[in-house]
Amino acid sequence: MRQIVLDTETTGLETSQGHRIIEIGCVELVNRKLTGQHYHQYINPQREIDQGAIEVHGITNEFLADKPTFDQVAGDFLEFVSGAELVIHNAPFDVGFINAELERLASSPGAIERSCSVVDTLVLARKKHPGQRNNLDALCARYMVDNSQRDLHGALLDAEILADVYLAMTGGQTTFQLGSGNDSSTEAAGEAGAPRKLAADRPTLKVIRASDEELAAHQANLDSIAKASGGRVLWRELEGQ
């Protein structure tokens, strides 16, 4: 399964006001693994950028003056994403801008949905975490994804961060793998998945016991829970206290 995690930056918020895309960032996932392939392009929007937008992404009119226009990069962009499932946070915003740009082309290929399916991670997040903040920064904190470099919004950086968030949010290990690169799955787990026996002469596991200070702190914490819960402390009930 090929997926493209995508983000854009724009001159403003509304396509109805003639706002345009100024940056596209994409990273590729194949079978839920980052491949290292990406697409990144700054675009001359042929109009002024709203000051409020500049404060969000830091991209200026002067910086974009010598960049290609959308019609000059559309072919490469469509070739990169064609046939993939697009993974986008707040997809209607980015898809709306992409489709507005495609409509301006002399020979428009039609809406991006004709060549790609779309997954909206904001919709997924709201289903998993109703009533909570589900912007990208909040999801990074929730899923322990490093976004320390995200001082300003940037399409490629945000796509890379969103890829990590999406993999974490949709379940399963994404970076840690058992076994070496030469081990097959049956070799790593045992023939036919049979349980492996521990060696009889293995070293005794070291038991680290809590110190007196740690035990006292634990009891103080339980006392605090008891006070807040009207005396009901499940830990102490399980211990028979």
Protein backbone atom coordinates (compact mmCIF):
# COMPACT_ATOMS: atom_id res chain seq x y z
CA MET A 1 0.00 0.00 0.00
CA ARG A 2 1.43 3.35 -1.08
CA GLN A 3 0.49 6.43 0.92
CA ILE A 4 1.62 10.03 0.57
CA VAL A 5 1.53 12.22 3.67
CA LEU A 6 0.93 15.74 2.36
CA ASP A 7 0.85 19.31 3.62
CA THR A 8 0.64 22.71 1.96
CA GLU A 9 1.27 26.32 2.88
CA THR A 10 -0.78 29.08 1.26
CA THR A 11 -1.05 32.84 0.81
CA GLY A 12 -4.20 32.91 2.95
CA LEU A 13 -7.17 30.91 4.12
CA GLU A 14 -9.79 31.08 1.35
CA THR A 15 -9.57 29.91 -2.26
CA SER A 16 -12.70 32.00 -2.90
CA GLN A 17 -10.56 35.09 -2.27
CA GLY A 18 -7.99 34.00 -4.84
CA HIS A 19 -5.47 32.64 -2.34
CA ARG A 20 -2.87 30.24 -3.73
CA ILE A 21 -0.51 27.44 -2.71
CA ILE A 22 3.07 28.54 -2.03
CA GLU A 23 4.60 25.30 -0.72
CA ILE A 24 3.87 21.57 -1.06
CA GLY A 25 5.57 18.91 1.06
CA CYS A 26 5.03 15.16 0.68
CA VAL A 27 6.63 12.05 2.19
CA GLU A 28 6.05 8.51 0.97
CA LEU A 29 4.93 5.50 2.98
CA VAL A 30 4.87 1.99 1.51
CA ASN A 31 3.26 -0.70 3.67
CA ARG A 32 3.38 1.74 6.62
CA LYS A 33 7.12 2.32 6.33
CA LEU A 34 8.83 5.58 5.43
CA THR A 35 10.73 5.03 2.18
CA GLY A 36 12.86 8.19 2.26
CA GLN A 37 11.21 9.40 -0.96
CA HIS A 38 9.68 12.85 -0.79
CA TYR A 39 8.41 15.73 -2.91
CA HIS A 40 9.01 19.33 -1.87
CA GLN A 41 8.41 22.49 -3.84
CA TYR A 42 8.10 26.23 -3.18
CA ILE A 43 5.74 27.95 -5.63
CA ASN A 44 5.39 31.53 -6.86
CA PRO A 45 1.70 32.31 -6.24
CA GLN A 46 1.67 35.37 -8.53
CA ARG A 47 -0.04 37.39 -5.80
CA GLU A 48 0.76 38.90 -2.40
CA ILE A 49 0.82 36.77 0.75
CA ASP A 50 -1.38 37.89 3.65
CA GLN A 51 0.64 39.17 6.59
CA GLY A 52 -1.19 36.80 8.91
CA ALA A 53 -0.08 33.86 6.76
CA ILE A 54 3.53 35.06 6.78
CA GLU A 55 3.43 35.09 10.58
CA VAL A 56 2.39 31.42 10.51
CA HIS A 57 4.86 29.99 7.99
CA GLY A 58 7.50 32.72 7.59
CA ILE A 59 7.52 32.52 3.78
CA THR A 60 7.77 35.95 2.15
CA ASN A 61 6.87 37.38 -1.25
CA GLU A 62 10.55 38.15 -1.87
CA PHE A 63 11.59 34.55 -1.21
CA LEU A 64 9.07 33.22 -3.73
CA ALA A 65 9.82 35.75 -6.48
CA ASP A 66 12.15 33.41 -8.41
CA LYS A 67 10.26 30.16 -7.71
CA PRO A 68 8.29 28.30 -10.41
CA THR A 69 4.55 28.75 -10.78
CA PHE A 70 2.12 25.91 -10.08
CA ASP A 71 1.56 25.12 -13.76
CA GLN A 72 5.32 24.57 -14.11
CA VAL A 73 5.48 21.97 -11.33
CA ALA A 74 2.04 20.38 -11.61
CA GLY A 75 3.27 17.49 -13.78
CA ASP A 76 5.97 16.40 -11.32
CA PHE A 77 3.60 16.77 -8.37
CA LEU A 78 0.84 14.70 -9.96
CA GLU A 79 3.31 12.04 -11.04
CA PHE A 80 4.53 11.70 -7.44
CA VAL A 81 1.10 11.38 -5.84
CA SER A 82 -0.84 9.59 -8.58
CA GLY A 83 -2.52 6.38 -7.43
CA ALA A 84 -1.57 6.85 -3.78
CA GLU A 85 -3.71 7.35 -0.71
CA LEU A 86 -3.18 10.92 0.52
CA VAL A 87 -2.87 11.34 4.29
CA ILE A 88 -3.67 14.93 5.24
CA HIS A 89 -4.50 16.74 8.48
CA ASN A 90 -7.68 18.76 7.92
CA ALA A 91 -7.88 17.42 4.37
CA PRO A 92 -10.66 19.71 3.04
CA PHE A 93 -8.33 22.70 3.36
CA ASP A 94 -5.38 21.25 1.43
CA VAL A 95 -7.52 19.34 -1.07
CA GLY A 96 -9.55 22.48 -1.75
CA PHE A 97 -6.41 24.46 -2.53
CA ILE A 98 -4.94 21.69 -4.70
CA ASN A 99 -8.16 21.39 -6.70
CA ALA A 100 -8.34 25.16 -7.14
CA GLU A 101 -4.80 25.10 -8.58
CA LEU A 102 -5.62 22.15 -10.85
CA GLU A 103 -8.69 23.97 -12.19
CA ARG A 104 -6.47 26.86 -13.30
CA LEU A 105 -4.35 24.64 -15.55
CA ALA A 106 -4.82 24.96 -19.31
CA SER A 107 -5.62 21.25 -19.52
CA SER A 108 -6.94 20.40 -16.07
CA PRO A 109 -6.83 16.74 -14.99
CA GLY A 110 -9.81 17.36 -12.71
CA ALA A 111 -10.02 17.04 -8.96
CA ILE A 112 -7.16 15.29 -7.16
CA GLU A 113 -9.67 12.73 -5.83
CA ARG A 114 -9.87 11.31 -9.36
CA SER A 115 -6.34 9.92 -9.05
CA CYS A 116 -5.95 9.62 -5.25
CA SER A 117 -8.01 8.57 -2.27
CA VAL A 118 -7.83 10.79 0.81
CA VAL A 119 -7.55 10.06 4.56
CA ASP A 120 -8.16 12.97 6.94
CA THR A 121 -6.11 12.48 10.12
CA LEU A 122 -8.10 15.22 11.87
CA VAL A 123 -11.27 13.13 11.44
CA LEU A 124 -9.40 10.05 12.71
CA ALA A 125 -8.08 11.96 15.72
CA ARG A 126 -11.52 13.34 16.63
CA LYS A 127 -12.96 9.82 16.59
CA LYS A 128 -10.15 8.48 18.80
CA HIS A 129 -9.99 11.50 21.12
CA PRO A 130 -13.41 13.19 21.21
CA GLY A 131 -13.59 16.46 23.08
CA GLN A 132 -9.82 16.93 23.09
CA ARG A 133 -7.51 19.22 21.15
CA ASN A 134 -6.47 17.44 17.97
CA ASN A 135 -4.25 19.89 16.12
CA LEU A 136 -0.85 18.62 15.04
CA ASP A 137 1.02 19.98 18.06
CA ALA A 138 -1.49 18.39 20.47
CA LEU A 139 -1.19 15.04 18.68
CA CYS A 140 2.61 15.25 18.83
CA ALA A 141 2.40 15.67 22.60
CA ARG A 142 -0.14 12.84 22.91
CA TYR A 143 1.88 10.37 20.84
CA MET A 144 5.34 11.57 21.96
CA VAL A 145 6.39 12.70 18.47
CA ASP A 146 9.26 15.20 18.47
CA ASN A 147 8.14 18.53 17.00
CA SER A 148 10.81 20.66 18.67
CA GLN A 149 11.94 22.05 15.29
CA ARG A 150 8.44 23.30 14.46
CA ASP A 151 8.87 26.98 15.35
CA LEU A 152 7.02 27.91 12.15
CA HIS A 153 4.76 25.86 9.92
CA GLY A 154 6.53 24.31 6.93
CA ALA A 155 4.95 21.91 4.46
CA LEU A 156 7.72 19.29 4.32
CA LEU A 157 8.50 19.35 8.05
CA ASP A 158 4.80 19.15 8.90
CA ALA A 159 4.34 16.23 6.48
CA GLU A 160 7.24 14.39 8.13
CA ILE A 161 5.80 15.03 11.60
CA LEU A 162 2.30 14.03 10.47
CA ALA A 163 3.67 10.76 9.07
CA ASP A 164 5.04 9.85 12.52
CA VAL A 165 1.77 10.89 14.20
CA TYR A 166 -0.34 8.92 11.70
CA LEU A 167 1.68 5.74 12.18
CA ALA A 168 1.48 6.06 15.96
CA MET A 169 -2.22 6.94 15.95
CA THR A 170 -3.22 4.05 13.69
CA GLY A 171 -1.41 1.49 15.84
CA GLY A 172 1.55 -0.83 15.88
CA GLN A 173 5.31 -0.49 16.18
CA THR A 174 6.72 1.85 13.55
CA THR A 175 10.48 1.90 14.24
CA PHE A 176 11.41 -0.93 16.60
CA GLN A 177 11.91 -4.31 14.97
CA LEU A 178 12.98 -7.60 16.53
CA GLY A 179 15.81 -9.58 15.00
CA SER A 180 18.57 -8.59 12.61
CA GLY A 181 18.10 -7.82 8.95
CA ASN A 182 19.17 -11.37 8.05
CA ASP A 183 16.68 -13.12 10.33
CA SER A 184 13.45 -14.40 8.86
CA SER A 185 10.30 -14.03 10.93
CA THR A 186 10.22 -17.77 11.70
CA GLU A 187 13.87 -17.78 12.74
CA ALA A 188 13.32 -14.84 15.07
CA ALA A 189 10.21 -16.33 16.67
CA GLY A 190 11.09 -20.03 16.49
CA GLU A 191 10.06 -22.61 13.94
CA ALA A 192 6.35 -22.40 13.16
CA GLY A 193 5.98 -19.81 15.93
CA ALA A 194 6.80 -22.36 18.66
CA PRO A 195 7.77 -20.84 22.04
CA ARG A 196 11.49 -20.79 22.75
CA LYS A 197 12.69 -22.31 26.03
CA LEU A 198 14.87 -20.25 28.34
CA ALA A 199 18.31 -21.67 29.03
CA ALA A 200 18.47 -23.52 32.35
CA ASP A 201 21.82 -21.92 33.19
CA ARG A 202 20.68 -18.34 32.48
CA PRO A 203 21.76 -15.73 35.09
CA THR A 204 19.31 -14.95 37.88
CA LEU A 205 17.39 -11.77 37.18
CA LYS A 206 18.33 -8.91 39.45
CA VAL A 207 15.44 -7.67 41.63
CA ILE A 208 15.52 -3.94 42.34
CA ARG A 209 13.49 -3.13 45.42
CA ALA A 210 12.08 0.24 46.37
CA SER A 211 14.03 2.26 48.94
CA ASP A 212 12.49 3.44 52.21
CA GLU A 213 12.18 6.93 50.76
CA GLU A 214 10.40 5.62 47.66
CA LEU A 215 8.02 3.52 49.78
CA ALA A 216 7.22 6.55 51.94
CA ALA A 217 6.56 8.66 48.83
CA HIS A 218 4.30 5.90 47.48
CA GLN A 219 2.26 5.83 50.68
CA ALA A 220 1.98 9.61 50.68
CA ASN A 221 0.64 9.45 47.12
CA LEU A 222 -1.93 6.83 48.15
CA ASP A 223 -2.96 9.03 51.09
CA SER A 224 -3.53 11.88 48.63
CA ILE A 225 -5.66 9.62 46.41
CA ALA A 226 -7.64 8.44 49.43
CA LYS A 227 -8.38 12.02 50.45
CA ALA A 228 -9.55 12.95 46.93
CA SER A 229 -11.65 9.77 46.47
CA GLY A 230 -13.37 9.63 49.85
CA GLY A 231 -11.17 6.82 51.15
CA ARG A 232 -11.42 4.52 48.11
CA VAL A 233 -7.94 3.46 46.99
CA LEU A 234 -7.99 0.42 44.70
CA TRP A 235 -4.26 -0.23 45.21
CA ARG A 236 -4.72 -0.65 48.96
CA GLU A 237 -7.84 -2.81 48.44
CA LEU A 238 -5.83 -5.14 46.23
CA GLU A 239 -3.04 -5.26 48.84
CA GLY A 240 -5.59 -6.07 51.56
CA GLN A 241 -4.87 -2.88 53.48
